[in-house]
Each structure stands twice: as C-alpha cells, then as structure tokens.
Amino acid sequence: SGRVAQACRDKEDGLNKGLQLAFRSGAVLGLTVVGFGLLDISAWYLILDNTSLMGTFDSPVEKLVHITTIMLTFGMGASLQALFARVGGGIYTKAADVGADLVGKTEYHFNEDDPRNPATIADNVGDNVGDVAGMGADLYESYAGSILATAALGAAVAAAANNYEMGMQLVMAPMIIGAVGAILSIMGVYMVRTKPGANQTQLMAALNKGINFSGVLIAIFSALILWALKIDNWLGIWGSIMIGLVVGIAIGKVTEYYTSFEFKPVKFIAENATTGPATVIISGIGVGMISTCWPVIFIVLGTIGAYLCAAGEWAFTAENMSAGLYGIGIAAVGMLSTLGLTLATDAYGPISDNAGGNAEMSALGDDVRSRTDALDALGNTTAATGKGFAIGSAALTALALLASYIEELKIAADRLGAEIVTISNWGGAVKLNGVEQTGDMVAKMSIAEFMSAFEVTLMNPKVLLGIFIGAMLSFLFCGLTMNA
C-alpha cells in the first residue's frame, strides 16, 4: 500500500503505475491460494495412494473411490477455518471502519483517514483482515471443495463402470485444469495496464482485459486437456466447463452493474441521500435484494446446462445422474480455474484503499489522493465481484458435495453390511420396490435409487423440515454477525 501511494505521486503515469502495483500485489494472494490448494490436494492424494493408511482393496477403482471420498474431509477442514477467518475478519473490519467514521467524520468532521484519528489505523488493518485474509480463506475452501467433489464424483462414475483407467482420467482432469489455470492467471496479471487520466470505465476495462485473456486461454487449454486424457464425452464435459466460465463472468458483470457508480443502481441510492439517511438505507437494502435475482438465475441455468452437457443426452435419467453431477462439479472448477486472477481483483481493493490512507496520513496532496481514490472506487466494485465468484462457485459445488456424500454413505453401507440399513432409516430396514436391501446392495445402487430407498424427497417431512431449519439458520447467522 505504501508503494502504491508512492507510485501515484507520478504526475504523468501515476494512475497506471498504482493500478499495476496494486493488482500485482493482489495477485500474490490469488496465486498463493491456488498454489497451496493444488499442493495440499496433490500431497494428500500421494500420501493416501502410496502408504498403507488405506488398507487393502479388491480392485484399484475401489481404492480410488475411497481415496477421493476420504479427501472430501480436507474440504470440511478448509470450510471450518474459512468460517472463523471470514466472520472474525468481517466483523473486525466493519467495526473498525464504522468506528473510525463515527468518531472522525460525525463527531470531529475530519477527512477520511485523517492522521489525528487513531481509529484510522484500525480501519486500514481491518481492510486486510476482512478482504484479504477472510476472502482468501473463503475462496481457498471453494477452490479445494470444487476440485475434491468433482474428483469424488468422477471416481464414482468409474466405479459404476468398473473402469480404473476412466476413474484416473476423471479424477485428474479437475486438478490438471486448476494447475494450467494457475499458469494462465500469471500471464493475465501482466495484461493489466491503463492510460494516464483513465476514468472508472477504462480502469475496469483494464482489469477485465486480464480476466478475459486468461478466460479465453483456459477455454482452449481445457479442451486440449480433456482430449489428451481421452475422456469419454470429452466435448460434453468441456461444454460444462465453458458454462461454468460463462456463468462466472456473467455474475461478475451483474455485480459490476449493481456496485459501480457508473451505473443506475448506485446513482439511484445516491439520489436518495438528498432526502436523509432513512431513504438511503431503504433504497440500499432494496437494490441489494434485487441484485440477487440475476446471479441466482444464472446459477440455475448454468447448473441445468452443465448437467445436460455431461450427462450425454437430453434427459434426467437415473443412469446418467452421476455423469451429470460430475458436469456440475467441473463447471465449478471451470468457474474457479482462473481464481489466481479473480482473487487478485479482490485483494487489489484493500491495497488501493490503504494507499489512499497512506496518502492522506502522509499529506501527499490532493492530486495523489484523487488517483488513489479512483483506484479505491474501482476496488469496491472488484471486491464485490470476487464475492460473487465465491458464492456462485459454492452454489455449484454444494450439489456435487451432496452427491459425493451419498457415495460415501454407500461405501459405509458396504463396509457395515446389513447393520447400517436397519438403523439408517430411523429403525426400519431400507426397502427398494418392496425388497429389503442389504449393505452390498445399497453400495451398488445408483444415486437415484439410493435417494428413493432412503426417502430423500420433498414429500418426506424430515427433508423439508431440514431445509426450513437450514434456510432459517443463514438469516439468524447474518443477523448475529451484523449486530456484532
């Protein structure tokens, strides 16, 4: 942040130098998250595959299924850690920001980041804690979860066909695409540059240039990877990856529209500020709620499209469900394949924000502050775009994780024999079409048959009650964190 403030002192090219420095600094976070994610997944796979920790198996494909389902717990650990980093960091950064503004602006009428206000330091630290550490942990979990869930589903598809070679192809595909995406993200970082005196639209275009460049390359390379792996229906699976990429870009565009002051929604909220704080709050919450509409629609359409591409035919049949769910998982991998770059745009925000704080506290002058403010305003939009990617990928990954969980239950049924099926359904033996199922029969069920036998349908009150409680908890959780 200090270097960005210094770069913005250049009267001729300060804006471009500041943009490049802030963005490349943000890329350190993006590439660290992607690098550690791939390193950790690869290390655990090699440990489990090359040691006696797993025990003995009847066939290699059975071992592959066990390894990939056990590795899902890695995602659970990342998710738990992300919860604390995200919530703790988020509460700290907003509390510090609001506290600094209440004291500095409301009580003493200081400028933003005035050095006479000690809370300014807490605010600047908070930007890093919430938007760098918290977002990094959140997307690390999404990134690892998407790869692991897709790998587990790929192994399940291969196990149904009893084909180990197919299993290795489907398990390795998301990992290789992630690795290639990391390299292409580095190339995209160096595409970001702008002209002196650029406006917000031009600054956003400069960032989009890097994202679009990497997006086009990952589209080409992912097709080559799937073709080289000789995956059946590689074209359909590539279609799922393309849908994930397009949905990610679409969510980013919608987020940009609703958060950039170049567009109508933000101007509408600003107009409401002329009549007092109450109308700002009402219009702000209203616009925020409306803004969720299009991302949800994109995710729904993307999920259906990815499923149909990978399933191989235009029908939601039981036989093709595992392949279709693999398509949804790899669509999430496609969306996060350029995470190194997407996360750079997010971390860029607090870096440029703190550069403005450094400029104000060091009395570098209004011209420097105007350049850092231009970079900061862009950062507010890019931070929201990063959050859109995090939520969109999590929504796609959720379905794949649920399917992977079912595969884990089927393995457990096989291990425990008849015992699990007598206790699993709250005391009653599991029946399919009136026939009682033993453990090995449960393990061989398709996902659709498993859901039918265990009555996982919306007509089962237990399932519906669980959905209600789960939806309520998110609102309760948000209310508690806002009041914190």
Protein backbone atom coordinates (compact mmCIF):
# COMPACT_ATOMS: atom_id res chain seq x y z
CA SER A 1 0.00 0.00 0.00
CA GLY A 2 2.91 2.33 0.75
CA ARG A 3 4.43 1.59 -2.66
CA VAL A 4 1.09 2.23 -4.42
CA ALA A 5 0.77 5.63 -2.69
CA GLN A 6 4.34 6.45 -3.77
CA ALA A 7 3.63 5.33 -7.37
CA CYS A 8 0.56 7.60 -7.51
CA ARG A 9 2.83 10.66 -6.93
CA ASP A 10 3.95 10.37 -10.56
CA LYS A 11 2.02 13.19 -12.30
CA GLU A 12 2.22 11.65 -15.79
CA ASP A 13 1.75 7.91 -15.24
CA GLY A 14 0.77 7.65 -11.56
CA LEU A 15 -2.61 6.05 -12.16
CA ASN A 16 -1.20 3.26 -14.36
CA LYS A 17 1.74 2.59 -12.03
CA GLY A 18 -0.56 2.49 -9.00
CA LEU A 19 -3.01 0.16 -10.76
CA GLN A 20 -0.29 -2.27 -11.83
CA LEU A 21 1.39 -2.33 -8.40
CA ALA A 22 -1.88 -2.85 -6.52
CA PHE A 23 -3.08 -5.54 -8.91
CA ARG A 24 0.19 -7.46 -8.91
CA SER A 25 0.26 -7.29 -5.11
CA GLY A 26 -3.27 -8.72 -5.08
CA ALA A 27 -2.10 -11.49 -7.41
CA VAL A 28 0.26 -12.67 -4.65
CA LEU A 29 -2.83 -13.63 -2.62
CA GLY A 30 -4.60 -15.22 -5.61
CA LEU A 31 -1.63 -17.34 -6.63
CA THR A 32 -0.88 -18.31 -3.00
CA VAL A 33 -4.44 -19.62 -2.53
CA VAL A 34 -4.37 -21.58 -5.80
CA GLY A 35 -0.83 -22.85 -5.21
CA PHE A 36 -1.49 -24.09 -1.68
CA GLY A 37 -4.83 -25.62 -2.75
CA LEU A 38 -3.22 -27.69 -5.51
CA LEU A 39 -0.17 -28.53 -3.38
CA ASP A 40 -2.28 -29.76 -0.44
CA ILE A 41 -4.64 -31.82 -2.61
CA SER A 42 -1.75 -33.41 -4.52
CA ALA A 43 0.19 -34.16 -1.32
CA TRP A 44 -2.76 -35.85 0.39
CA TYR A 45 -3.55 -37.89 -2.71
CA LEU A 46 0.03 -39.16 -2.93
CA ILE A 47 0.16 -39.94 0.82
CA LEU A 48 -3.09 -41.91 0.75
CA ASP A 49 -2.24 -43.68 -2.51
CA ASN A 50 1.32 -44.70 -1.58
CA THR A 51 1.00 -45.71 2.08
CA SER A 52 -0.78 -48.45 3.97
CA LEU A 53 -3.18 -45.96 5.60
CA MET A 54 -5.97 -47.07 3.27
CA GLY A 55 -5.73 -50.80 3.92
CA THR A 56 -6.37 -53.39 1.18
CA PHE A 57 -8.97 -53.37 -1.59
CA ASP A 58 -10.39 -55.84 -4.10
CA SER A 59 -9.70 -53.56 -7.08
CA PRO A 60 -7.78 -50.32 -7.90
CA VAL A 61 -11.03 -48.50 -8.76
CA GLU A 62 -12.42 -49.30 -5.30
CA LYS A 63 -9.29 -47.79 -3.72
CA LEU A 64 -9.68 -44.69 -5.93
CA VAL A 65 -13.27 -44.19 -4.75
CA HIS A 66 -12.19 -44.49 -1.11
CA ILE A 67 -9.28 -42.03 -1.51
CA THR A 68 -11.39 -39.37 -3.23
CA THR A 69 -14.26 -39.62 -0.74
CA ILE A 70 -11.90 -39.51 2.27
CA MET A 71 -10.23 -36.40 0.81
CA LEU A 72 -13.57 -34.57 1.00
CA THR A 73 -12.88 -34.12 4.71
CA PHE A 74 -9.98 -31.86 3.64
CA GLY A 75 -12.65 -29.52 2.25
CA MET A 76 -14.55 -29.67 5.55
CA GLY A 77 -11.43 -28.55 7.44
CA ALA A 78 -10.86 -25.69 5.00
CA SER A 79 -14.51 -24.70 5.33
CA LEU A 80 -14.37 -24.61 9.14
CA GLN A 81 -11.23 -22.50 9.09
CA ALA A 82 -12.76 -20.14 6.49
CA LEU A 83 -15.79 -19.62 8.73
CA PHE A 84 -13.65 -18.16 11.52
CA ALA A 85 -11.46 -16.10 9.17
CA ARG A 86 -14.46 -14.75 7.23
CA VAL A 87 -16.73 -13.95 10.18
CA GLY A 88 -14.00 -12.81 12.58
CA GLY A 89 -12.26 -10.76 9.90
CA GLY A 90 -15.53 -9.36 8.57
CA ILE A 91 -16.78 -8.23 11.97
CA TYR A 92 -13.41 -6.66 12.82
CA THR A 93 -13.06 -4.73 9.54
CA LYS A 94 -16.62 -3.33 9.58
CA ALA A 95 -16.49 -2.47 13.29
CA ALA A 96 -13.19 -0.62 12.76
CA ASP A 97 -14.47 1.15 9.62
CA VAL A 98 -17.75 2.27 11.21
CA GLY A 99 -16.00 3.23 14.45
CA ALA A 100 -13.44 5.36 12.60
CA ASP A 101 -16.18 7.13 10.63
CA LEU A 102 -18.39 7.77 13.68
CA VAL A 103 -15.53 9.39 15.60
CA GLY A 104 -13.72 11.10 12.73
CA LYS A 105 -16.46 12.24 10.34
CA THR A 106 -19.51 12.58 12.59
CA GLU A 107 -18.00 13.95 15.81
CA TYR A 108 -14.88 15.80 14.66
CA HIS A 109 -15.62 16.38 10.92
CA PHE A 110 -12.20 15.07 9.87
CA ASN A 111 -11.42 13.85 6.36
CA GLU A 112 -11.33 10.14 5.63
CA ASP A 113 -8.07 8.63 7.03
CA ASP A 114 -7.12 11.82 8.92
CA PRO A 115 -3.91 11.07 10.93
CA ARG A 116 -5.40 12.77 14.04
CA ASN A 117 -7.93 9.90 14.28
CA PRO A 118 -6.24 6.77 15.76
CA ALA A 119 -9.12 4.58 14.57
CA THR A 120 -7.81 5.18 11.03
CA ILE A 121 -5.09 2.59 11.72
CA ALA A 122 -7.68 0.06 12.92
CA ASP A 123 -9.67 0.72 9.73
CA ASN A 124 -6.62 0.14 7.49
CA VAL A 125 -5.68 -3.05 9.33
CA GLY A 126 -9.30 -4.21 9.07
CA ASP A 127 -9.28 -3.93 5.27
CA ASN A 128 -6.52 -6.55 5.19
CA VAL A 129 -8.10 -8.81 7.80
CA GLY A 130 -11.55 -8.96 6.17
CA ASP A 131 -11.00 -8.57 2.44
CA VAL A 132 -7.61 -10.30 2.14
CA ALA A 133 -7.36 -12.93 4.87
CA GLY A 134 -11.11 -13.64 5.08
CA MET A 135 -11.73 -13.73 1.33
CA GLY A 136 -8.57 -15.79 0.76
CA ALA A 137 -9.70 -18.42 3.27
CA ASP A 138 -13.23 -18.43 1.81
CA LEU A 139 -12.11 -18.99 -1.78
CA TYR A 140 -9.44 -21.49 -0.73
CA GLU A 141 -12.30 -23.59 0.64
CA SER A 142 -14.43 -23.11 -2.51
CA TYR A 143 -11.47 -23.93 -4.77
CA ALA A 144 -10.45 -27.08 -2.89
CA GLY A 145 -14.09 -28.16 -2.47
CA SER A 146 -14.87 -27.89 -6.19
CA ILE A 147 -11.83 -29.99 -7.20
CA LEU A 148 -12.35 -32.64 -4.48
CA ALA A 149 -16.11 -33.02 -5.06
CA THR A 150 -15.57 -33.37 -8.82
CA ALA A 151 -12.80 -35.94 -8.30
CA ALA A 152 -15.02 -37.99 -5.93
CA LEU A 153 -17.89 -37.97 -8.44
CA GLY A 154 -15.53 -38.96 -11.26
CA ALA A 155 -14.33 -41.96 -9.22
CA ALA A 156 -17.97 -42.92 -8.52
CA VAL A 157 -18.80 -42.84 -12.25
CA ALA A 158 -15.80 -45.08 -12.95
CA ALA A 159 -16.71 -47.46 -10.12
CA ALA A 160 -20.18 -47.96 -11.61
CA ALA A 161 -18.49 -48.96 -14.88
CA ASN A 162 -15.69 -50.83 -13.02
CA ASN A 163 -13.13 -48.95 -15.13
CA TYR A 164 -9.99 -47.79 -13.27
CA GLU A 165 -8.49 -46.02 -16.29
CA MET A 166 -11.65 -43.93 -16.69
CA GLY A 167 -11.52 -43.14 -12.97
CA MET A 168 -7.98 -41.77 -13.16
CA GLN A 169 -8.93 -39.63 -16.18
CA LEU A 170 -11.96 -38.12 -14.43
CA VAL A 171 -10.12 -37.61 -11.11
CA MET A 172 -7.06 -35.97 -12.69
CA ALA A 173 -9.00 -33.66 -15.06
CA PRO A 174 -10.07 -31.01 -12.48
CA MET A 175 -6.60 -31.00 -10.88
CA ILE A 176 -4.79 -30.50 -14.20
CA ILE A 177 -7.26 -27.79 -15.30
CA GLY A 178 -6.64 -26.00 -11.98
CA ALA A 179 -2.86 -26.22 -12.46
CA VAL A 180 -2.98 -24.89 -16.03
CA GLY A 181 -5.39 -22.15 -14.90
CA ALA A 182 -2.82 -21.00 -12.31
CA ILE A 183 -0.15 -20.59 -15.02
CA LEU A 184 -2.57 -18.73 -17.30
CA SER A 185 -3.54 -16.44 -14.39
CA ILE A 186 0.10 -15.34 -14.11
CA MET A 187 0.04 -14.42 -17.82
CA GLY A 188 -3.21 -12.47 -17.32
CA VAL A 189 -1.72 -10.40 -14.48
CA TYR A 190 0.74 -8.78 -16.90
CA MET A 191 -2.07 -7.75 -19.28
CA VAL A 192 -3.45 -5.20 -16.79
CA ARG A 193 -2.44 -1.61 -17.63
CA THR A 194 -4.21 1.68 -18.36
CA LYS A 195 -3.72 5.17 -19.82
CA PRO A 196 -2.95 8.33 -17.79
CA GLY A 197 -6.12 10.05 -16.55
CA ALA A 198 -8.32 6.99 -17.13
CA ASN A 199 -11.92 7.08 -15.88
CA GLN A 200 -13.69 4.30 -13.96
CA THR A 201 -14.92 2.57 -17.12
CA GLN A 202 -11.39 2.47 -18.57
CA LEU A 203 -9.92 1.24 -15.28
CA MET A 204 -12.48 -1.58 -15.12
CA ALA A 205 -11.76 -2.41 -18.77
CA ALA A 206 -8.05 -2.69 -17.89
CA LEU A 207 -8.82 -5.29 -15.20
CA ASN A 208 -11.27 -7.12 -17.45
CA LYS A 209 -8.60 -7.37 -20.14
CA GLY A 210 -6.51 -9.63 -17.92
CA ILE A 211 -9.52 -11.72 -16.79
CA ASN A 212 -10.85 -12.15 -20.35
CA PHE A 213 -7.39 -13.03 -21.70
CA SER A 214 -6.97 -15.82 -19.13
CA GLY A 215 -10.59 -16.95 -19.64
CA VAL A 216 -10.13 -17.42 -23.40
CA LEU A 217 -6.87 -19.34 -22.89
CA ILE A 218 -8.34 -21.66 -20.23
CA ALA A 219 -11.23 -22.40 -22.61
CA ILE A 220 -8.75 -23.56 -25.26
CA PHE A 221 -6.41 -25.43 -22.90
CA SER A 222 -9.20 -27.25 -21.02
CA ALA A 223 -10.45 -28.69 -24.33
CA LEU A 224 -6.92 -29.88 -25.12
CA ILE A 225 -6.54 -31.40 -21.62
CA LEU A 226 -9.81 -33.36 -21.84
CA TRP A 227 -8.98 -34.53 -25.37
CA ALA A 228 -5.44 -35.59 -24.35
CA LEU A 229 -6.83 -37.56 -21.36
CA LYS A 230 -9.07 -39.45 -23.83
CA ILE A 231 -12.15 -38.92 -21.63
CA ASP A 232 -15.43 -40.30 -22.96
CA ASN A 233 -17.78 -37.47 -23.94
CA TRP A 234 -14.89 -35.01 -23.52
CA LEU A 235 -16.75 -32.48 -25.67
CA GLY A 236 -19.79 -32.55 -23.36
CA ILE A 237 -17.60 -32.16 -20.25
CA TRP A 238 -15.78 -29.27 -21.96
CA GLY A 239 -19.22 -27.74 -22.54
CA SER A 240 -19.83 -27.93 -18.77
CA ILE A 241 -16.51 -26.14 -18.12
CA MET A 242 -17.46 -23.41 -20.62
CA ILE A 243 -20.82 -22.95 -18.90
CA GLY A 244 -19.00 -22.53 -15.55
CA LEU A 245 -16.71 -19.89 -17.07
CA VAL A 246 -19.62 -18.01 -18.69
CA VAL A 247 -21.71 -18.09 -15.50
CA GLY A 248 -18.73 -16.74 -13.51
CA ILE A 249 -18.22 -13.88 -15.98
CA ALA A 250 -21.99 -13.15 -16.05
CA ILE A 251 -22.15 -12.97 -12.22
CA GLY A 252 -19.15 -10.62 -12.30
CA LYS A 253 -20.87 -8.34 -14.85
CA VAL A 254 -24.10 -8.20 -12.83
CA THR A 255 -22.11 -7.45 -9.66
CA GLU A 256 -20.25 -4.69 -11.51
CA TYR A 257 -23.56 -3.17 -12.69
CA TYR A 258 -25.05 -3.08 -9.19
CA THR A 259 -21.93 -1.79 -7.38
CA SER A 260 -20.14 0.58 -9.79
CA PHE A 261 -21.05 4.28 -9.55
CA GLU A 262 -21.09 4.43 -13.35
CA PHE A 263 -24.47 2.69 -13.42
CA LYS A 264 -28.06 3.40 -12.43
CA PRO A 265 -28.43 1.37 -9.16
CA VAL A 266 -25.67 3.24 -7.27
CA LYS A 267 -26.82 6.60 -8.71
CA PHE A 268 -30.36 5.81 -7.55
CA ILE A 269 -29.14 5.17 -3.98
CA ALA A 270 -27.06 8.40 -4.11
CA GLU A 271 -30.13 10.40 -5.21
CA ASN A 272 -31.99 9.07 -2.17
CA ALA A 273 -29.26 10.52 0.06
CA THR A 274 -30.67 14.01 -0.64
CA THR A 275 -33.74 13.24 1.48
CA GLY A 276 -31.95 11.81 4.51
CA PRO A 277 -30.32 8.65 5.91
CA ALA A 278 -33.57 6.65 6.18
CA THR A 279 -34.18 6.69 2.41
CA VAL A 280 -30.55 5.72 1.76
CA ILE A 281 -30.96 2.66 3.99
CA ILE A 282 -34.31 1.67 2.45
CA SER A 283 -33.17 2.10 -1.18
CA GLY A 284 -29.79 0.46 -0.44
CA ILE A 285 -31.31 -2.67 1.08
CA GLY A 286 -33.93 -2.77 -1.71
CA VAL A 287 -31.36 -2.55 -4.51
CA GLY A 288 -29.18 -5.11 -2.71
CA MET A 289 -32.06 -7.58 -2.51
CA ILE A 290 -32.99 -7.04 -6.18
CA SER A 291 -29.34 -7.60 -7.20
CA THR A 292 -29.52 -11.25 -6.07
CA CYS A 293 -32.06 -12.10 -8.78
CA TRP A 294 -29.82 -12.43 -11.84
CA PRO A 295 -26.95 -14.35 -10.19
CA VAL A 296 -29.44 -16.96 -8.93
CA ILE A 297 -30.99 -17.27 -12.40
CA PHE A 298 -27.51 -17.65 -13.96
CA ILE A 299 -26.57 -20.34 -11.42
CA VAL A 300 -29.82 -22.26 -12.06
CA LEU A 301 -29.39 -22.12 -15.85
CA GLY A 302 -25.70 -22.97 -15.54
CA THR A 303 -26.43 -25.97 -13.30
CA ILE A 304 -29.01 -27.37 -15.74
CA GLY A 305 -26.74 -26.72 -18.74
CA ALA A 306 -23.67 -28.30 -17.12
CA TYR A 307 -25.70 -31.36 -16.08
CA LEU A 308 -27.13 -31.90 -19.57
CA CYS A 309 -23.77 -31.44 -21.32
CA ALA A 310 -22.03 -34.05 -19.18
CA ALA A 311 -24.96 -36.49 -18.94
CA GLY A 312 -24.67 -37.16 -22.65
CA GLU A 313 -28.34 -36.95 -23.53
CA TRP A 314 -31.26 -34.59 -23.01
CA ALA A 315 -32.91 -36.48 -20.16
CA PHE A 316 -32.65 -36.57 -16.37
CA THR A 317 -32.38 -40.34 -16.19
CA ALA A 318 -31.08 -42.35 -13.22
CA GLU A 319 -28.31 -43.93 -15.33
CA ASN A 320 -26.86 -40.55 -16.32
CA MET A 321 -27.22 -38.79 -12.97
CA SER A 322 -23.65 -39.45 -11.76
CA ALA A 323 -22.19 -38.20 -15.06
CA GLY A 324 -24.46 -35.13 -14.97
CA LEU A 325 -23.43 -34.31 -11.41
CA TYR A 326 -19.78 -34.63 -12.47
CA GLY A 327 -20.56 -31.98 -15.10
CA ILE A 328 -21.91 -29.63 -12.42
CA GLY A 329 -18.77 -30.16 -10.31
CA ILE A 330 -16.40 -29.50 -13.20
CA ALA A 331 -18.42 -26.38 -14.12
CA ALA A 332 -17.45 -25.04 -10.66
CA VAL A 333 -13.83 -25.97 -11.44
CA GLY A 334 -14.16 -24.03 -14.72
CA MET A 335 -15.55 -21.01 -12.87
CA LEU A 336 -12.60 -21.06 -10.44
CA SER A 337 -9.93 -22.11 -12.96
CA THR A 338 -8.65 -18.51 -13.18
CA LEU A 339 -9.01 -17.91 -9.42
CA GLY A 340 -5.44 -16.62 -9.24
CA LEU A 341 -6.60 -13.63 -11.30
CA THR A 342 -10.13 -13.31 -9.87
CA LEU A 343 -8.80 -13.17 -6.32
CA ALA A 344 -6.19 -10.61 -7.40
CA THR A 345 -9.02 -8.23 -8.35
CA ASP A 346 -10.49 -8.71 -4.87
CA ALA A 347 -7.28 -8.20 -2.87
CA TYR A 348 -6.49 -5.20 -5.09
CA GLY A 349 -9.34 -3.32 -3.31
CA PRO A 350 -7.93 -3.07 0.25
CA ILE A 351 -4.42 -2.43 -1.11
CA SER A 352 -5.60 0.64 -3.07
CA ASP A 353 -7.87 1.69 -0.17
CA ASN A 354 -4.94 1.68 2.24
CA ALA A 355 -2.81 3.51 -0.32
CA GLY A 356 -5.33 6.34 -0.03
CA GLY A 357 -4.98 6.19 3.76
CA ASN A 358 -1.20 6.41 3.45
CA ALA A 359 -1.53 9.39 1.07
CA GLU A 360 -3.83 11.23 3.50
CA MET A 361 -1.75 10.50 6.61
CA SER A 362 1.48 11.46 4.81
CA ALA A 363 -0.05 14.68 3.41
CA LEU A 364 0.93 13.78 -0.16
CA GLY A 365 -1.54 16.26 -1.65
CA ASP A 366 -4.97 16.28 -3.28
CA ASP A 367 -3.74 15.15 -6.72
CA VAL A 368 -2.24 11.96 -5.24
CA ARG A 369 -5.36 11.36 -3.15
CA SER A 370 -7.56 11.76 -6.24
CA ARG A 371 -5.60 8.99 -8.01
CA THR A 372 -5.76 6.63 -5.03
CA ASP A 373 -9.49 7.40 -4.67
CA ALA A 374 -10.04 6.42 -8.32
CA LEU A 375 -8.25 3.11 -7.69
CA ASP A 376 -10.16 2.64 -4.41
CA ALA A 377 -13.56 3.22 -6.04
CA LEU A 378 -12.72 0.53 -8.58
CA GLY A 379 -11.61 -1.73 -5.73
CA ASN A 380 -15.04 -1.55 -4.09
CA THR A 381 -16.60 -2.97 -7.26
CA THR A 382 -13.94 -5.64 -7.79
CA ALA A 383 -14.28 -6.77 -4.15
CA ALA A 384 -17.99 -7.35 -4.71
CA THR A 385 -17.19 -9.25 -7.94
CA GLY A 386 -14.85 -11.55 -6.00
CA LYS A 387 -17.63 -12.28 -3.52
CA GLY A 388 -19.95 -13.11 -6.45
CA PHE A 389 -17.45 -15.71 -7.69
CA ALA A 390 -17.14 -17.16 -4.19
CA ILE A 391 -20.90 -17.58 -3.79
CA GLY A 392 -21.52 -18.78 -7.37
CA SER A 393 -18.86 -21.48 -7.19
CA ALA A 394 -20.07 -22.54 -3.73
CA ALA A 395 -23.61 -22.98 -5.08
CA LEU A 396 -22.39 -25.24 -7.88
CA THR A 397 -20.04 -27.15 -5.58
CA ALA A 398 -22.80 -27.73 -2.98
CA LEU A 399 -24.71 -30.13 -5.24
CA ALA A 400 -21.55 -32.02 -6.13
CA LEU A 401 -20.61 -32.29 -2.43
CA LEU A 402 -24.05 -33.69 -1.58
CA ALA A 403 -23.69 -36.31 -4.29
CA SER A 404 -20.20 -37.16 -3.01
CA TYR A 405 -21.65 -37.52 0.49
CA ILE A 406 -24.15 -40.07 -0.85
CA GLU A 407 -21.27 -42.03 -2.40
CA GLU A 408 -19.56 -42.03 1.00
CA LEU A 409 -22.73 -43.42 2.62
CA LYS A 410 -22.88 -46.17 0.01
CA ILE A 411 -19.29 -47.16 0.85
CA ALA A 412 -20.19 -47.22 4.54
CA ALA A 413 -23.20 -49.43 3.76
CA ASP A 414 -20.93 -51.91 2.00
CA ARG A 415 -18.43 -51.90 4.89
CA LEU A 416 -21.01 -52.36 7.65
CA GLY A 417 -23.16 -54.88 5.76
CA ALA A 418 -26.76 -55.22 6.88
CA GLU A 419 -26.21 -53.28 10.13
CA ILE A 420 -26.36 -49.82 8.56
CA VAL A 421 -29.58 -50.39 6.66
CA THR A 422 -31.51 -51.39 9.77
CA ILE A 423 -30.50 -48.30 11.75
CA SER A 424 -30.23 -45.72 8.96
CA ASN A 425 -33.92 -45.15 8.32
CA TRP A 426 -34.81 -44.37 11.95
CA GLY A 427 -35.26 -48.02 12.90
CA GLY A 428 -36.72 -49.52 9.73
CA ALA A 429 -34.90 -51.63 7.16
CA VAL A 430 -34.31 -49.90 3.80
CA LYS A 431 -36.57 -51.21 1.03
CA LEU A 432 -36.50 -50.51 -2.68
CA ASN A 433 -39.62 -51.53 -4.63
CA GLY A 434 -40.68 -53.60 -1.63
CA VAL A 435 -37.39 -55.55 -1.47
CA GLU A 436 -35.23 -55.21 1.66
CA GLN A 437 -31.68 -54.12 0.77
CA THR A 438 -28.51 -55.48 2.38
CA GLY A 439 -25.29 -53.48 2.70
CA ASP A 440 -23.68 -54.66 -0.54
CA MET A 441 -26.94 -53.99 -2.45
CA VAL A 442 -27.03 -50.41 -1.10
CA ALA A 443 -23.43 -49.86 -2.27
CA LYS A 444 -24.36 -50.86 -5.83
CA MET A 445 -27.41 -48.55 -6.04
CA SER A 446 -27.44 -45.59 -8.41
CA ILE A 447 -27.83 -42.17 -6.77
CA ALA A 448 -31.50 -42.04 -7.84
CA GLU A 449 -32.20 -45.49 -6.33
CA PHE A 450 -30.38 -44.52 -3.13
CA MET A 451 -32.48 -41.35 -2.76
CA SER A 452 -35.64 -43.36 -3.38
CA ALA A 453 -34.74 -46.09 -0.86
CA PHE A 454 -33.85 -43.58 1.84
CA GLU A 455 -36.89 -41.39 1.02
CA VAL A 456 -34.84 -38.25 0.37
CA THR A 457 -37.69 -36.38 -1.36
CA LEU A 458 -39.59 -33.17 -0.70
CA MET A 459 -42.61 -35.29 0.22
CA ASN A 460 -40.71 -36.58 3.25
CA PRO A 461 -41.43 -34.12 6.11
CA LYS A 462 -37.98 -34.78 7.63
CA VAL A 463 -36.26 -33.49 4.47
CA LEU A 464 -38.50 -30.42 4.23
CA LEU A 465 -38.04 -29.59 7.91
CA GLY A 466 -34.28 -29.79 7.47
CA ILE A 467 -34.45 -27.35 4.53
CA PHE A 468 -36.54 -24.91 6.60
CA ILE A 469 -34.10 -25.04 9.52
CA GLY A 470 -31.10 -24.65 7.19
CA ALA A 471 -32.61 -21.59 5.48
CA MET A 472 -33.55 -20.03 8.82
CA LEU A 473 -30.05 -20.53 10.22
CA SER A 474 -28.49 -18.42 7.47
CA PHE A 475 -30.74 -15.47 8.37
CA LEU A 476 -30.08 -15.94 12.10
CA PHE A 477 -26.34 -16.15 11.43
CA CYS A 478 -26.39 -12.97 9.30
CA GLY A 479 -28.39 -11.11 11.96
CA LEU A 480 -25.92 -12.07 14.69
CA THR A 481 -22.87 -11.09 12.60
CA MET A 482 -24.41 -7.72 11.60
CA ASN A 483 -25.17 -6.87 15.22
CA ALA A 484 -21.64 -7.88 16.20
